């Protein structure tokens, strides 16, 4: 009789212990969101790698990214109950950031950035901002 009780107790507690063991590692992987500084560093690292920024450009791009993230966070807090105003503010922040990046990057780097940005945003190839690509596109060539 004792063996049956022990077997039932093990049968009941083993899955619970297993579930707790499985839950513990996943809770460790669910960390708090990275800070604005960490996010700005990650974004800047991508710029540096993909656009081959100089050290001076890297510093300036980091400052632009951090400032933009800070403004975006403030806008989210301030306009959390006004989605239209939030969209307007975010668009203004984005346009300001784009303008500042254009001043820091070389024309070739900015073109590469724009192309990558448009690809990530899902802009069709025919509508992307690369004028040379648009002229070579079969959609822009007349057929006789």
N, C-alpha and C. Protein backbone atom coordinates (compact mmCIF):
# COMPACT_ATOMS: atom_id res chain seq x y z
N UNK A 1 0.82 -1.19 0.00
CA UNK A 1 0.00 0.00 0.00
C UNK A 1 0.87 1.25 0.00
N UNK A 2 1.95 1.25 0.82
CA UNK A 2 2.84 2.41 0.86
C UNK A 2 3.48 2.63 -0.50
N UNK A 3 3.82 1.56 -1.19
CA UNK A 3 4.45 1.68 -2.50
C UNK A 3 3.50 2.36 -3.49
N UNK A 4 2.24 2.04 -3.42
CA UNK A 4 1.26 2.63 -4.32
C UNK A 4 1.12 4.13 -4.03
N UNK A 5 1.06 4.50 -2.74
CA UNK A 5 0.93 5.90 -2.35
C UNK A 5 2.16 6.68 -2.81
N UNK A 6 3.34 6.12 -2.62
CA UNK A 6 4.58 6.78 -3.04
C UNK A 6 4.60 6.91 -4.57
N UNK A 7 4.19 5.88 -5.27
CA UNK A 7 4.15 5.92 -6.73
C UNK A 7 3.18 6.99 -7.23
N UNK A 8 2.03 7.09 -6.60
CA UNK A 8 1.05 8.10 -6.99
C UNK A 8 1.59 9.50 -6.69
N UNK A 9 2.22 9.66 -5.52
CA UNK A 9 2.79 10.96 -5.15
C UNK A 9 3.86 11.38 -6.15
N UNK A 10 4.71 10.44 -6.53
CA UNK A 10 5.75 10.74 -7.54
C UNK A 10 5.11 11.06 -8.89
N UNK A 11 4.09 10.32 -9.24
CA UNK A 11 3.43 10.53 -10.52
C UNK A 11 2.78 11.91 -10.58
N UNK A 12 2.28 12.38 -9.46
CA UNK A 12 1.62 13.68 -9.42
C UNK A 12 2.65 14.81 -9.35
N UNK A 13 3.69 14.66 -8.55
CA UNK A 13 4.64 15.74 -8.35
C UNK A 13 5.70 15.83 -9.45
N UNK A 14 6.01 14.73 -10.09
CA UNK A 14 7.06 14.75 -11.12
C UNK A 14 6.73 15.71 -12.26
N UNK A 15 5.52 15.66 -12.84
CA UNK A 15 5.23 16.62 -13.91
C UNK A 15 5.27 18.07 -13.44
N UNK A 16 4.83 18.31 -12.21
CA UNK A 16 4.87 19.67 -11.69
C UNK A 16 6.31 20.14 -11.53
N UNK A 17 7.16 19.27 -11.00
CA UNK A 17 8.58 19.62 -10.85
C UNK A 17 9.21 19.83 -12.22
N UNK A 18 8.86 19.00 -13.18
CA UNK A 18 9.38 19.15 -14.53
C UNK A 18 8.94 20.49 -15.14
N UNK A 19 7.67 20.82 -14.93
CA UNK A 19 7.15 22.08 -15.46
C UNK A 19 7.85 23.28 -14.81
N UNK A 20 8.09 23.20 -13.51
CA UNK A 20 8.81 24.28 -12.84
C UNK A 20 10.23 24.40 -13.36
N UNK A 21 10.86 23.27 -13.59
CA UNK A 21 12.21 23.27 -14.13
C UNK A 21 12.26 23.87 -15.52
N UNK A 22 11.24 23.62 -16.30
CA UNK A 22 11.17 24.17 -17.65
C UNK A 22 10.84 25.66 -17.62
N UNK A 23 10.03 26.09 -16.66
CA UNK A 23 9.63 27.49 -16.61
C UNK A 23 10.77 28.38 -16.14
N UNK A 24 11.62 27.88 -15.30
CA UNK A 24 12.69 28.72 -14.76
C UNK A 24 13.62 29.26 -15.84
N UNK A 25 14.15 28.42 -16.75
CA UNK A 25 15.04 28.98 -17.77
C UNK A 25 14.35 29.99 -18.68
N UNK A 26 13.08 29.74 -19.02
CA UNK A 26 12.41 30.68 -19.92
C UNK A 26 12.18 32.03 -19.24
N UNK A 27 11.98 32.01 -17.91
CA UNK A 27 11.79 33.30 -17.24
C UNK A 27 13.10 34.08 -17.20
N UNK A 28 14.23 33.37 -17.21
CA UNK A 28 15.52 34.06 -17.25
C UNK A 28 15.76 34.70 -18.61
N UNK A 29 15.25 34.06 -19.66
CA UNK A 29 15.47 34.61 -20.99
C UNK A 29 14.55 35.80 -21.26
N UNK A 30 13.47 35.92 -20.50
CA UNK A 30 12.57 37.05 -20.65
C UNK A 30 13.10 38.19 -19.79
N UNK A 31 13.96 38.98 -20.37
CA UNK A 31 14.58 40.07 -19.63
C UNK A 31 13.80 41.35 -19.89
N UNK A 32 14.09 42.33 -19.07
CA UNK A 32 13.48 43.64 -19.28
C UNK A 32 13.98 44.20 -20.61
N UNK A 33 13.20 45.10 -21.18
CA UNK A 33 13.61 45.70 -22.44
C UNK A 33 14.93 46.43 -22.28
N UNK A 34 15.74 46.43 -23.34
CA UNK A 34 17.01 47.15 -23.26
C UNK A 34 16.78 48.64 -23.08
N UNK A 35 17.75 49.30 -22.47
CA UNK A 35 17.64 50.74 -22.26
C UNK A 35 17.73 51.47 -23.59
N UNK A 36 17.38 52.73 -23.58
CA UNK A 36 17.47 53.54 -24.80
C UNK A 36 18.91 53.59 -25.29
N UNK A 37 19.85 53.68 -24.36
CA UNK A 37 21.27 53.72 -24.73
C UNK A 37 21.69 52.43 -25.42
N UNK A 38 21.22 51.28 -24.88
CA UNK A 38 21.55 49.99 -25.48
C UNK A 38 20.93 49.87 -26.88
N UNK A 39 19.71 50.34 -27.02
CA UNK A 39 19.06 50.29 -28.33
C UNK A 39 19.79 51.19 -29.33
N UNK A 40 20.19 52.39 -28.88
CA UNK A 40 20.92 53.31 -29.76
C UNK A 40 22.26 52.70 -30.16
N UNK A 41 22.92 52.03 -29.22
CA UNK A 41 24.20 51.37 -29.53
C UNK A 41 24.00 50.26 -30.56
N UNK A 42 22.94 49.48 -30.41
CA UNK A 42 22.68 48.39 -31.35
C UNK A 42 22.37 48.92 -32.75
N UNK A 43 21.57 49.96 -32.82
CA UNK A 43 21.24 50.56 -34.12
C UNK A 43 22.50 51.13 -34.76
N UNK A 44 23.30 51.82 -33.96
CA UNK A 44 24.53 52.43 -34.47
C UNK A 44 25.52 51.36 -34.92
N UNK A 45 25.58 50.25 -34.20
CA UNK A 45 26.47 49.16 -34.60
C UNK A 45 26.08 48.63 -35.98
N UNK A 46 24.79 48.55 -36.25
CA UNK A 46 24.33 48.14 -37.57
C UNK A 46 24.75 49.13 -38.65
N UNK A 47 24.62 50.40 -38.36
CA UNK A 47 25.06 51.44 -39.29
C UNK A 47 26.55 51.29 -39.57
N UNK A 48 27.32 51.18 -38.48
CA UNK A 48 28.78 51.11 -38.60
C UNK A 48 29.19 49.92 -39.46
N UNK A 49 28.57 48.80 -39.23
CA UNK A 49 28.91 47.58 -39.97
C UNK A 49 28.47 47.67 -41.43
N UNK A 50 27.23 48.04 -41.66
CA UNK A 50 26.68 48.01 -43.01
C UNK A 50 27.10 49.18 -43.89
N UNK A 51 27.35 50.33 -43.27
CA UNK A 51 27.70 51.52 -44.06
C UNK A 51 29.17 51.90 -43.93
N UNK A 52 29.91 51.14 -43.13
CA UNK A 52 31.34 51.39 -42.92
C UNK A 52 31.59 52.83 -42.48
N UNK A 53 30.98 53.18 -41.35
CA UNK A 53 31.13 54.54 -40.83
C UNK A 53 32.53 54.77 -40.27
N UNK A 54 32.97 56.02 -40.34
CA UNK A 54 34.22 56.42 -39.68
C UNK A 54 33.92 56.56 -38.19
N UNK A 55 34.93 56.59 -37.35
CA UNK A 55 34.69 56.79 -35.92
C UNK A 55 33.91 58.09 -35.62
N UNK A 56 34.20 59.15 -36.36
CA UNK A 56 33.48 60.41 -36.15
C UNK A 56 32.00 60.26 -36.53
N UNK A 57 31.76 59.60 -37.65
CA UNK A 57 30.38 59.37 -38.07
C UNK A 57 29.65 58.50 -37.05
N UNK A 58 30.34 57.50 -36.53
CA UNK A 58 29.72 56.60 -35.56
C UNK A 58 29.25 57.37 -34.34
N UNK A 59 30.09 58.29 -33.84
CA UNK A 59 29.71 59.10 -32.68
C UNK A 59 28.49 59.97 -32.98
N UNK A 60 28.49 60.59 -34.14
CA UNK A 60 27.38 61.47 -34.51
C UNK A 60 26.10 60.67 -34.72
N UNK A 61 26.20 59.52 -35.37
CA UNK A 61 25.02 58.68 -35.61
C UNK A 61 24.46 58.17 -34.29
N UNK A 62 25.34 57.79 -33.36
CA UNK A 62 24.88 57.34 -32.04
C UNK A 62 24.09 58.46 -31.35
N UNK A 63 24.61 59.68 -31.40
CA UNK A 63 23.92 60.81 -30.77
C UNK A 63 22.55 61.04 -31.41
N UNK A 64 22.49 60.94 -32.73
CA UNK A 64 21.22 61.11 -33.45
C UNK A 64 20.23 60.02 -33.05
N UNK A 65 20.71 58.78 -33.03
CA UNK A 65 19.83 57.66 -32.67
C UNK A 65 19.32 57.77 -31.25
N UNK A 66 20.20 58.12 -30.33
CA UNK A 66 19.80 58.24 -28.93
C UNK A 66 18.78 59.36 -28.74
N UNK A 67 19.05 60.50 -29.34
CA UNK A 67 18.12 61.63 -29.23
C UNK A 67 16.76 61.27 -29.81
N UNK A 68 16.75 60.60 -30.96
CA UNK A 68 15.49 60.21 -31.59
C UNK A 68 14.72 59.23 -30.71
N UNK A 69 15.42 58.26 -30.14
CA UNK A 69 14.76 57.30 -29.25
C UNK A 69 14.20 57.99 -28.01
N UNK A 70 14.94 58.94 -27.47
CA UNK A 70 14.47 59.67 -26.29
C UNK A 70 13.22 60.48 -26.62
N UNK A 71 13.24 61.16 -27.77
CA UNK A 71 12.06 61.94 -28.17
C UNK A 71 10.86 61.03 -28.42
N UNK A 72 11.11 59.88 -29.04
CA UNK A 72 10.03 58.94 -29.32
C UNK A 72 9.42 58.41 -28.01
N UNK A 73 10.26 58.11 -27.05
CA UNK A 73 9.77 57.62 -25.76
C UNK A 73 8.92 58.68 -25.05
N UNK A 74 9.38 59.93 -25.09
CA UNK A 74 8.62 61.03 -24.47
C UNK A 74 7.28 61.22 -25.18
N UNK A 75 7.29 61.10 -26.50
CA UNK A 75 6.05 61.25 -27.27
C UNK A 75 5.07 60.13 -26.94
N UNK A 76 5.58 58.90 -26.80
CA UNK A 76 4.71 57.78 -26.44
C UNK A 76 4.03 58.01 -25.09
N UNK A 77 4.79 58.52 -24.14
CA UNK A 77 4.24 58.79 -22.82
C UNK A 77 3.23 59.94 -22.87
N UNK A 78 3.61 60.99 -23.56
CA UNK A 78 2.78 62.20 -23.59
C UNK A 78 1.48 62.00 -24.37
N UNK A 79 1.54 61.25 -25.47
CA UNK A 79 0.38 61.11 -26.34
C UNK A 79 -0.18 59.69 -26.37
N UNK A 80 -0.03 58.97 -25.25
CA UNK A 80 -0.52 57.59 -25.23
C UNK A 80 -2.03 57.50 -25.41
N UNK A 81 -2.74 58.56 -25.09
CA UNK A 81 -4.20 58.57 -25.24
C UNK A 81 -4.67 59.33 -26.48
N UNK A 82 -3.73 59.76 -27.31
CA UNK A 82 -4.08 60.50 -28.52
C UNK A 82 -3.28 59.92 -29.70
N UNK A 83 -3.75 58.83 -30.28
CA UNK A 83 -2.99 58.14 -31.33
C UNK A 83 -2.67 59.01 -32.54
N UNK A 84 -3.59 59.88 -32.93
CA UNK A 84 -3.33 60.74 -34.09
C UNK A 84 -2.15 61.68 -33.84
N UNK A 85 -2.13 62.27 -32.67
CA UNK A 85 -1.05 63.18 -32.32
C UNK A 85 0.27 62.41 -32.18
N UNK A 86 0.19 61.18 -31.65
CA UNK A 86 1.38 60.35 -31.52
C UNK A 86 1.97 60.03 -32.89
N UNK A 87 1.14 59.65 -33.83
CA UNK A 87 1.61 59.36 -35.19
C UNK A 87 2.26 60.60 -35.79
N UNK A 88 1.64 61.75 -35.59
CA UNK A 88 2.18 63.00 -36.11
C UNK A 88 3.56 63.29 -35.51
N UNK A 89 3.68 63.13 -34.20
CA UNK A 89 4.96 63.37 -33.52
C UNK A 89 6.03 62.39 -33.99
N UNK A 90 5.65 61.12 -34.11
CA UNK A 90 6.61 60.11 -34.54
C UNK A 90 7.08 60.39 -35.97
N UNK A 91 6.19 60.86 -36.81
CA UNK A 91 6.57 61.20 -38.17
C UNK A 91 7.56 62.36 -38.17
N UNK A 92 7.29 63.35 -37.33
CA UNK A 92 8.19 64.49 -37.23
C UNK A 92 9.57 64.07 -36.70
N UNK A 93 9.59 63.20 -35.71
CA UNK A 93 10.85 62.69 -35.16
C UNK A 93 11.61 61.92 -36.24
N UNK A 94 10.89 61.11 -37.00
CA UNK A 94 11.51 60.33 -38.07
C UNK A 94 12.11 61.23 -39.15
N UNK A 95 11.37 62.25 -39.54
CA UNK A 95 11.86 63.17 -40.58
C UNK A 95 13.08 63.96 -40.09
N UNK A 96 13.06 64.37 -38.83
CA UNK A 96 14.21 65.09 -38.25
C UNK A 96 15.43 64.19 -38.23
N UNK A 97 15.23 62.94 -37.81
CA UNK A 97 16.34 61.97 -37.76
C UNK A 97 16.91 61.74 -39.16
N UNK A 98 16.04 61.58 -40.12
CA UNK A 98 16.47 61.35 -41.50
C UNK A 98 17.29 62.53 -42.01
N UNK A 99 16.85 63.73 -41.72
CA UNK A 99 17.57 64.93 -42.13
C UNK A 99 18.94 65.00 -41.47
N UNK A 100 18.99 64.68 -40.18
CA UNK A 100 20.27 64.71 -39.47
C UNK A 100 21.22 63.64 -40.00
N UNK A 101 20.69 62.46 -40.29
CA UNK A 101 21.53 61.40 -40.84
C UNK A 101 22.08 61.79 -42.21
N UNK A 102 21.26 62.46 -43.00
CA UNK A 102 21.69 62.89 -44.33
C UNK A 102 22.88 63.85 -44.24
N UNK A 103 22.90 64.66 -43.18
CA UNK A 103 24.01 65.59 -42.98
C UNK A 103 25.30 64.89 -42.55
N UNK A 104 25.19 63.74 -41.90
CA UNK A 104 26.36 63.03 -41.37
C UNK A 104 26.91 62.02 -42.38
N UNK A 105 26.03 61.35 -43.08
CA UNK A 105 26.46 60.31 -44.02
C UNK A 105 26.89 60.90 -45.35
N UNK A 106 27.76 60.17 -46.05
CA UNK A 106 28.11 60.58 -47.41
C UNK A 106 26.90 60.29 -48.30
N UNK A 107 26.82 60.90 -49.47
CA UNK A 107 25.69 60.62 -50.36
C UNK A 107 25.53 59.12 -50.66
N UNK A 108 26.65 58.43 -50.86
CA UNK A 108 26.58 56.99 -51.15
C UNK A 108 26.07 56.22 -49.93
N UNK A 109 26.56 56.56 -48.74
CA UNK A 109 26.10 55.89 -47.52
C UNK A 109 24.62 56.16 -47.29
N UNK A 110 24.18 57.40 -47.53
CA UNK A 110 22.78 57.72 -47.32
C UNK A 110 21.90 56.96 -48.32
N UNK A 111 22.37 56.83 -49.55
CA UNK A 111 21.62 56.08 -50.55
C UNK A 111 21.49 54.61 -50.12
N UNK A 112 22.59 54.03 -49.63
CA UNK A 112 22.55 52.65 -49.15
C UNK A 112 21.59 52.52 -47.97
N UNK A 113 21.64 53.49 -47.07
CA UNK A 113 20.75 53.48 -45.91
C UNK A 113 19.29 53.53 -46.36
N UNK A 114 18.99 54.45 -47.26
CA UNK A 114 17.62 54.60 -47.75
C UNK A 114 17.13 53.31 -48.40
N UNK A 115 17.99 52.71 -49.20
CA UNK A 115 17.61 51.48 -49.90
C UNK A 115 17.30 50.37 -48.89
N UNK A 116 18.17 50.20 -47.90
CA UNK A 116 17.95 49.18 -46.87
C UNK A 116 16.68 49.47 -46.07
N UNK A 117 16.48 50.72 -45.76
CA UNK A 117 15.31 51.13 -44.98
C UNK A 117 14.02 50.83 -45.75
N UNK A 118 14.03 51.14 -47.01
CA UNK A 118 12.85 50.89 -47.83
C UNK A 118 12.59 49.40 -48.00
N UNK A 119 13.66 48.62 -48.12
CA UNK A 119 13.50 47.16 -48.21
C UNK A 119 12.88 46.62 -46.93
N UNK A 120 13.35 47.09 -45.79
CA UNK A 120 12.82 46.63 -44.51
C UNK A 120 11.37 47.05 -44.33
N UNK A 121 11.03 48.21 -44.85
CA UNK A 121 9.66 48.71 -44.71
C UNK A 121 8.72 48.06 -45.72
N UNK A 122 9.27 47.28 -46.64
CA UNK A 122 8.43 46.59 -47.61
C UNK A 122 8.02 47.44 -48.80
N UNK A 123 8.79 48.47 -49.10
CA UNK A 123 8.48 49.31 -50.25
C UNK A 123 8.83 48.51 -51.51
N UNK A 124 7.89 48.41 -52.46
CA UNK A 124 8.19 47.66 -53.69
C UNK A 124 9.41 48.24 -54.40
N UNK A 125 10.17 47.38 -55.03
CA UNK A 125 11.41 47.78 -55.68
C UNK A 125 11.18 48.92 -56.68
N UNK A 126 10.06 48.90 -57.37
CA UNK A 126 9.77 49.92 -58.38
C UNK A 126 9.55 51.29 -57.75
N UNK A 127 9.13 51.33 -56.49
CA UNK A 127 8.83 52.60 -55.84
C UNK A 127 9.96 53.10 -54.95
N UNK A 128 11.06 52.37 -54.88
CA UNK A 128 12.16 52.79 -54.01
C UNK A 128 12.79 54.07 -54.54
N UNK A 129 13.52 54.76 -53.66
CA UNK A 129 14.01 56.09 -53.97
C UNK A 129 15.28 56.12 -54.80
N UNK A 130 15.74 55.00 -55.30
CA UNK A 130 16.96 54.96 -56.11
C UNK A 130 16.58 55.31 -57.56
N UNK A 131 16.87 56.52 -58.02
CA UNK A 131 16.45 56.95 -59.36
C UNK A 131 17.06 56.09 -60.46
N UNK A 132 18.30 55.64 -60.30
CA UNK A 132 18.93 54.82 -61.33
C UNK A 132 18.19 53.50 -61.49
N UNK A 133 17.78 52.93 -60.41
CA UNK A 133 17.06 51.66 -60.46
C UNK A 133 15.69 51.84 -61.11
N UNK A 134 15.07 52.99 -60.85
CA UNK A 134 13.76 53.24 -61.44
C UNK A 134 13.85 53.37 -62.95
N UNK A 135 14.91 54.02 -63.44
CA UNK A 135 15.04 54.21 -64.88
C UNK A 135 15.35 52.90 -65.57
N UNK A 136 16.04 52.00 -64.90
CA UNK A 136 16.38 50.71 -65.49
C UNK A 136 15.24 49.70 -65.35
N UNK A 137 14.26 50.03 -64.54
CA UNK A 137 13.15 49.12 -64.29
C UNK A 137 12.37 48.88 -65.57
N UNK A 138 11.98 47.64 -65.82
CA UNK A 138 11.19 47.35 -67.02
C UNK A 138 9.84 48.06 -67.01
N UNK A 139 9.36 48.47 -65.84
CA UNK A 139 8.08 49.17 -65.78
C UNK A 139 8.18 50.56 -66.38
N UNK A 140 9.38 51.14 -66.38
CA UNK A 140 9.55 52.50 -66.90
C UNK A 140 10.02 52.53 -68.34
N UNK A 141 10.22 51.39 -68.95
CA UNK A 141 10.66 51.35 -70.35
C UNK A 141 9.45 51.08 -71.24
N UNK A 142 9.41 51.85 -72.30
CA UNK A 142 8.29 51.68 -73.21
C UNK A 142 8.52 50.47 -74.09
N UNK A 143 7.46 49.78 -74.38
CA UNK A 143 7.59 48.65 -75.31
C UNK A 143 6.81 49.00 -76.57
N UNK A 144 7.44 48.71 -77.70
CA UNK A 144 6.82 49.07 -78.98
C UNK A 144 6.28 47.86 -79.67
